[in-house]
Amino acid sequence: MKQDAMKKDAAVKAADPELKVVLDSWNEIGRKLTAMAEDFPEDKYDFKPTAAQRSFAEQLLHAAGSCYYFTNSAMGQKPPAAEDPKREQYKTKADIVAFVKKSFADGAAAIQSKGEQGLTTEVVYFPGQKARVLDIAYGIIEHSGEHYGQLVVYYRLAGLVPPESRPKK
């Protein structure tokens, strides 16, 4: 009898709508990359673990620039002409921080503009290739997470502790 009463009182919360889930994921990886962009010392922005790898700044530009493969496709625009924005276009830390923030804000706005129903709409992703808006968004979130992981290593190799690894106050 008591167990039945407990079951009635403990209603299971419904799952969040897909729009909220994808938007939260998008914003979370954007927050992490922005925190790194703001935190990493500007004099180390051109640090590369090896000559063959991208610099810290180039990693951020690549991850942020890739957002436009989602945003442009979702909004019916052409994808970016080049895979990576050029470092010469973004000379300072402030320029790169602003670009990282803008790229994730633009993606979040695109997700919101599609609404719950629009997430399953197919759009042209690359010439001759279609994908659902939701699938492209999750692909970019995963891609950004991979670059976040690489940037954690850059922090450690530079003798620094990434923001997410620091004790919380």
C-alpha atoms as a PDB file:
ATOM      1  CA  MET A   1       0.000   0.000   0.000  1.00  0.00           C
ATOM      2  CA  LYS A   2       2.803   2.427   0.960  1.00  0.00           C
ATOM      3  CA  GLN A   3       4.786   1.512  -2.189  1.00  0.00           C
ATOM      4  CA  ASP A   4       1.775   2.285  -4.389  1.00  0.00           C
ATOM      5  CA  ALA A   5       1.470   5.719  -2.808  1.00  0.00           C
ATOM      6  CA  MET A   6       5.202   6.366  -3.350  1.00  0.00           C
ATOM      7  CA  LYS A   7       4.915   5.392  -7.015  1.00  0.00           C
ATOM      8  CA  LYS A   8       2.078   7.856  -7.559  1.00  0.00           C
ATOM      9  CA  ASP A   9       4.028  10.668  -5.852  1.00  0.00           C
ATOM     10  CA  ALA A  10       7.240  10.019  -7.783  1.00  0.00           C
ATOM     11  CA  ALA A  11       6.108  10.900 -11.295  1.00  0.00           C
ATOM     12  CA  VAL A  12       8.742  10.421 -13.929  1.00  0.00           C
ATOM     13  CA  LYS A  13       9.792  13.646 -15.581  1.00  0.00           C
ATOM     14  CA  ALA A  14       9.245  13.642 -19.340  1.00  0.00           C
ATOM     15  CA  ALA A  15      12.259  13.756 -21.620  1.00  0.00           C
ATOM     16  CA  ASP A  16      13.268  17.183 -22.834  1.00  0.00           C
ATOM     17  CA  PRO A  17      12.225  18.071 -26.376  1.00  0.00           C
ATOM     18  CA  GLU A  18      14.865  17.362 -29.025  1.00  0.00           C
ATOM     19  CA  LEU A  19      15.253  21.094 -29.696  1.00  0.00           C
ATOM     20  CA  LYS A  20      16.316  21.733 -26.091  1.00  0.00           C
ATOM     21  CA  VAL A  21      18.687  18.753 -26.060  1.00  0.00           C
ATOM     22  CA  VAL A  22      20.542  19.734 -29.242  1.00  0.00           C
ATOM     23  CA  LEU A  23      20.593  23.425 -28.311  1.00  0.00           C
ATOM     24  CA  ASP A  24      21.965  22.659 -24.832  1.00  0.00           C
ATOM     25  CA  SER A  25      24.675  20.435 -26.349  1.00  0.00           C
ATOM     26  CA  TRP A  26      25.558  23.074 -28.947  1.00  0.00           C
ATOM     27  CA  ASN A  27      25.773  25.813 -26.328  1.00  0.00           C
ATOM     28  CA  GLU A  28      27.795  23.679 -23.925  1.00  0.00           C
ATOM     29  CA  ILE A  29      30.610  22.914 -26.371  1.00  0.00           C
ATOM     30  CA  GLY A  30      30.518  26.545 -27.473  1.00  0.00           C
ATOM     31  CA  ARG A  31      30.880  27.621 -23.848  1.00  0.00           C
ATOM     32  CA  LYS A  32      33.874  25.328 -23.327  1.00  0.00           C
ATOM     33  CA  LEU A  33      35.690  26.503 -26.459  1.00  0.00           C
ATOM     34  CA  THR A  34      34.928  30.139 -25.657  1.00  0.00           C
ATOM     35  CA  ALA A  35      36.296  29.683 -22.125  1.00  0.00           C
ATOM     36  CA  MET A  36      39.513  28.294 -23.589  1.00  0.00           C
ATOM     37  CA  ALA A  37      39.758  31.090 -26.156  1.00  0.00           C
ATOM     38  CA  GLU A  38      39.356  33.686 -23.409  1.00  0.00           C
ATOM     39  CA  ASP A  39      41.669  31.950 -20.945  1.00  0.00           C
ATOM     40  CA  PHE A  40      44.683  30.801 -22.982  1.00  0.00           C
ATOM     41  CA  PRO A  41      47.509  33.370 -22.916  1.00  0.00           C
ATOM     42  CA  GLU A  42      47.682  35.403 -26.118  1.00  0.00           C
ATOM     43  CA  ASP A  43      51.458  34.980 -26.306  1.00  0.00           C
ATOM     44  CA  LYS A  44      50.855  31.206 -26.617  1.00  0.00           C
ATOM     45  CA  TYR A  45      48.122  31.411 -29.279  1.00  0.00           C
ATOM     46  CA  ASP A  46      50.565  30.298 -31.991  1.00  0.00           C
ATOM     47  CA  PHE A  47      51.812  27.332 -29.937  1.00  0.00           C
ATOM     48  CA  LYS A  48      51.928  24.031 -31.859  1.00  0.00           C
ATOM     49  CA  PRO A  49      52.783  20.705 -30.214  1.00  0.00           C
ATOM     50  CA  THR A  50      54.536  19.727 -33.470  1.00  0.00           C
ATOM     51  CA  ALA A  51      55.206  21.593 -36.705  1.00  0.00           C
ATOM     52  CA  ALA A  52      52.636  19.432 -38.536  1.00  0.00           C
ATOM     53  CA  GLN A  53      49.753  20.423 -36.265  1.00  0.00           C
ATOM     54  CA  ARG A  54      47.546  23.477 -36.133  1.00  0.00           C
ATOM     55  CA  SER A  55      48.409  26.159 -33.613  1.00  0.00           C
ATOM     56  CA  PHE A  56      46.102  26.792 -30.663  1.00  0.00           C
ATOM     57  CA  ALA A  57      44.598  29.743 -32.572  1.00  0.00           C
ATOM     58  CA  GLU A  58      44.200  27.677 -35.749  1.00  0.00           C
ATOM     59  CA  GLN A  59      42.419  24.934 -33.783  1.00  0.00           C
ATOM     60  CA  LEU A  60      39.916  27.470 -32.453  1.00  0.00           C
ATOM     61  CA  LEU A  61      39.407  29.001 -35.892  1.00  0.00           C
ATOM     62  CA  HIS A  62      38.887  25.556 -37.420  1.00  0.00           C
ATOM     63  CA  ALA A  63      36.352  24.454 -34.799  1.00  0.00           C
ATOM     64  CA  ALA A  64      34.465  27.755 -34.904  1.00  0.00           C
ATOM     65  CA  GLY A  65      34.608  27.969 -38.691  1.00  0.00           C
ATOM     66  CA  SER A  66      33.155  24.478 -39.033  1.00  0.00           C
ATOM     67  CA  CYS A  67      30.000  25.724 -37.296  1.00  0.00           C
ATOM     68  CA  TYR A  68      29.123  27.496 -40.518  1.00  0.00           C
ATOM     69  CA  TYR A  69      28.884  24.174 -42.351  1.00  0.00           C
ATOM     70  CA  PHE A  70      25.866  23.670 -40.103  1.00  0.00           C
ATOM     71  CA  THR A  71      24.564  27.223 -39.848  1.00  0.00           C
ATOM     72  CA  ASN A  72      24.764  28.012 -43.557  1.00  0.00           C
ATOM     73  CA  SER A  73      23.200  24.686 -44.556  1.00  0.00           C
ATOM     74  CA  ALA A  74      20.402  25.016 -42.001  1.00  0.00           C
ATOM     75  CA  MET A  75      19.635  28.521 -43.235  1.00  0.00           C
ATOM     76  CA  GLY A  76      19.687  27.585 -46.933  1.00  0.00           C
ATOM     77  CA  GLN A  77      22.990  29.300 -47.690  1.00  0.00           C
ATOM     78  CA  LYS A  78      26.144  27.977 -49.349  1.00  0.00           C
ATOM     79  CA  PRO A  79      28.720  26.346 -47.061  1.00  0.00           C
ATOM     80  CA  PRO A  80      31.910  28.304 -46.378  1.00  0.00           C
ATOM     81  CA  ALA A  81      34.304  28.567 -49.327  1.00  0.00           C
ATOM     82  CA  ALA A  82      37.290  27.378 -47.284  1.00  0.00           C
ATOM     83  CA  GLU A  83      37.493  24.823 -44.503  1.00  0.00           C
ATOM     84  CA  ASP A  84      39.420  27.072 -42.130  1.00  0.00           C
ATOM     85  CA  PRO A  85      39.353  30.816 -41.612  1.00  0.00           C
ATOM     86  CA  LYS A  86      42.872  32.164 -42.090  1.00  0.00           C
ATOM     87  CA  ARG A  87      44.904  33.195 -39.063  1.00  0.00           C
ATOM     88  CA  GLU A  88      45.856  36.396 -40.915  1.00  0.00           C
ATOM     89  CA  GLN A  89      42.183  37.449 -40.789  1.00  0.00           C
ATOM     90  CA  TYR A  90      42.119  37.064 -37.006  1.00  0.00           C
ATOM     91  CA  LYS A  91      45.304  38.715 -35.783  1.00  0.00           C
ATOM     92  CA  THR A  92      44.554  39.081 -32.076  1.00  0.00           C
ATOM     93  CA  LYS A  93      43.170  36.972 -29.268  1.00  0.00           C
ATOM     94  CA  ALA A  94      40.193  39.354 -29.077  1.00  0.00           C
ATOM     95  CA  ASP A  95      39.467  38.750 -32.793  1.00  0.00           C
ATOM     96  CA  ILE A  96      39.480  34.978 -32.283  1.00  0.00           C
ATOM     97  CA  VAL A  97      37.396  35.107 -29.088  1.00  0.00           C
ATOM     98  CA  ALA A  98      34.801  37.223 -30.909  1.00  0.00           C
ATOM     99  CA  PHE A  99      34.723  34.782 -33.850  1.00  0.00           C
ATOM    100  CA  VAL A 100      34.314  31.732 -31.588  1.00  0.00           C
ATOM    101  CA  LYS A 101      31.455  33.424 -29.708  1.00  0.00           C
ATOM    102  CA  LYS A 102      29.757  34.558 -32.914  1.00  0.00           C
ATOM    103  CA  SER A 103      30.012  31.190 -34.650  1.00  0.00           C
ATOM    104  CA  PHE A 104      28.330  29.347 -31.792  1.00  0.00           C
ATOM    105  CA  ALA A 105      25.741  32.112 -31.284  1.00  0.00           C
ATOM    106  CA  ASP A 106      24.884  32.009 -34.990  1.00  0.00           C
ATOM    107  CA  GLY A 107      24.527  28.213 -34.824  1.00  0.00           C
ATOM    108  CA  ALA A 108      22.306  28.433 -31.749  1.00  0.00           C
ATOM    109  CA  ALA A 109      20.113  30.993 -33.502  1.00  0.00           C
ATOM    110  CA  ALA A 110      19.835  28.681 -36.529  1.00  0.00           C
ATOM    111  CA  ILE A 111      18.812  25.763 -34.304  1.00  0.00           C
ATOM    112  CA  GLN A 112      16.177  27.888 -32.586  1.00  0.00           C
ATOM    113  CA  SER A 113      14.875  29.240 -35.892  1.00  0.00           C
ATOM    114  CA  LYS A 114      14.267  25.702 -37.177  1.00  0.00           C
ATOM    115  CA  GLY A 115      12.070  24.816 -34.225  1.00  0.00           C
ATOM    116  CA  GLU A 116      11.255  21.273 -33.148  1.00  0.00           C
ATOM    117  CA  GLN A 117       9.704  20.303 -36.500  1.00  0.00           C
ATOM    118  CA  GLY A 118      12.476  21.861 -38.572  1.00  0.00           C
ATOM    119  CA  LEU A 119      15.150  19.681 -36.995  1.00  0.00           C
ATOM    120  CA  THR A 120      14.188  16.755 -39.211  1.00  0.00           C
ATOM    121  CA  THR A 121      14.123  18.846 -42.407  1.00  0.00           C
ATOM    122  CA  GLU A 122      16.638  17.751 -45.014  1.00  0.00           C
ATOM    123  CA  VAL A 123      18.951  20.445 -46.336  1.00  0.00           C
ATOM    124  CA  VAL A 124      21.860  20.485 -48.773  1.00  0.00           C
ATOM    125  CA  TYR A 125      24.977  19.952 -46.693  1.00  0.00           C
ATOM    126  CA  PHE A 126      27.605  19.588 -49.395  1.00  0.00           C
ATOM    127  CA  PRO A 127      26.993  19.789 -53.139  1.00  0.00           C
ATOM    128  CA  GLY A 128      24.956  16.733 -54.057  1.00  0.00           C
ATOM    129  CA  GLN A 129      24.496  15.651 -50.434  1.00  0.00           C
ATOM    130  CA  LYS A 130      21.532  16.171 -48.122  1.00  0.00           C
ATOM    131  CA  ALA A 131      21.253  15.589 -44.401  1.00  0.00           C
ATOM    132  CA  ARG A 132      18.778  16.355 -41.649  1.00  0.00           C
ATOM    133  CA  VAL A 133      19.384  19.607 -39.770  1.00  0.00           C
ATOM    134  CA  LEU A 134      19.607  17.643 -36.512  1.00  0.00           C
ATOM    135  CA  ASP A 135      22.243  15.262 -37.876  1.00  0.00           C
ATOM    136  CA  ILE A 136      24.443  18.103 -39.121  1.00  0.00           C
ATOM    137  CA  ALA A 137      24.167  19.888 -35.763  1.00  0.00           C
ATOM    138  CA  TYR A 138      25.186  16.764 -33.845  1.00  0.00           C
ATOM    139  CA  GLY A 139      28.047  16.185 -36.277  1.00  0.00           C
ATOM    140  CA  ILE A 140      29.422  19.663 -35.625  1.00  0.00           C
ATOM    141  CA  ILE A 141      28.943  19.268 -31.857  1.00  0.00           C
ATOM    142  CA  GLU A 142      30.944  16.029 -31.975  1.00  0.00           C
ATOM    143  CA  HIS A 143      33.605  17.609 -34.214  1.00  0.00           C
ATOM    144  CA  SER A 144      33.917  20.567 -31.832  1.00  0.00           C
ATOM    145  CA  GLY A 145      34.262  18.169 -28.907  1.00  0.00           C
ATOM    146  CA  GLU A 146      37.158  16.438 -30.657  1.00  0.00           C
ATOM    147  CA  HIS A 147      38.942  19.769 -31.046  1.00  0.00           C
ATOM    148  CA  TYR A 148      38.160  20.647 -27.443  1.00  0.00           C
ATOM    149  CA  GLY A 149      39.969  17.433 -26.445  1.00  0.00           C
ATOM    150  CA  GLN A 150      42.948  18.342 -28.594  1.00  0.00           C
ATOM    151  CA  LEU A 151      43.083  21.797 -27.014  1.00  0.00           C
ATOM    152  CA  VAL A 152      43.150  20.221 -23.554  1.00  0.00           C
ATOM    153  CA  VAL A 153      46.416  18.561 -24.619  1.00  0.00           C
ATOM    154  CA  TYR A 154      47.745  21.915 -25.867  1.00  0.00           C
ATOM    155  CA  TYR A 155      47.041  23.348 -22.409  1.00  0.00           C
ATOM    156  CA  ARG A 156      48.898  20.514 -20.683  1.00  0.00           C
ATOM    157  CA  LEU A 157      51.873  20.696 -23.045  1.00  0.00           C
ATOM    158  CA  ALA A 158      52.076  24.443 -22.406  1.00  0.00           C
ATOM    159  CA  GLY A 159      52.167  23.740 -18.649  1.00  0.00           C
ATOM    160  CA  LEU A 160      48.638  25.048 -18.060  1.00  0.00           C
ATOM    161  CA  VAL A 161      45.446  23.628 -16.601  1.00  0.00           C
ATOM    162  CA  PRO A 162      42.327  23.855 -18.808  1.00  0.00           C
ATOM    163  CA  PRO A 163      39.380  25.807 -17.345  1.00  0.00           C
ATOM    164  CA  GLU A 164      37.153  22.706 -17.026  1.00  0.00           C
ATOM    165  CA  SER A 165      39.870  20.840 -15.085  1.00  0.00           C
ATOM    166  CA  ARG A 166      40.311  23.494 -12.431  1.00  0.00           C
ATOM    167  CA  PRO A 167      38.670  23.119  -9.028  1.00  0.00           C
ATOM    168  CA  LYS A 168      35.244  24.698  -8.880  1.00  0.00           C
ATOM    169  CA  LYS A 169      34.830  27.482  -6.352  1.00  0.00           C
END
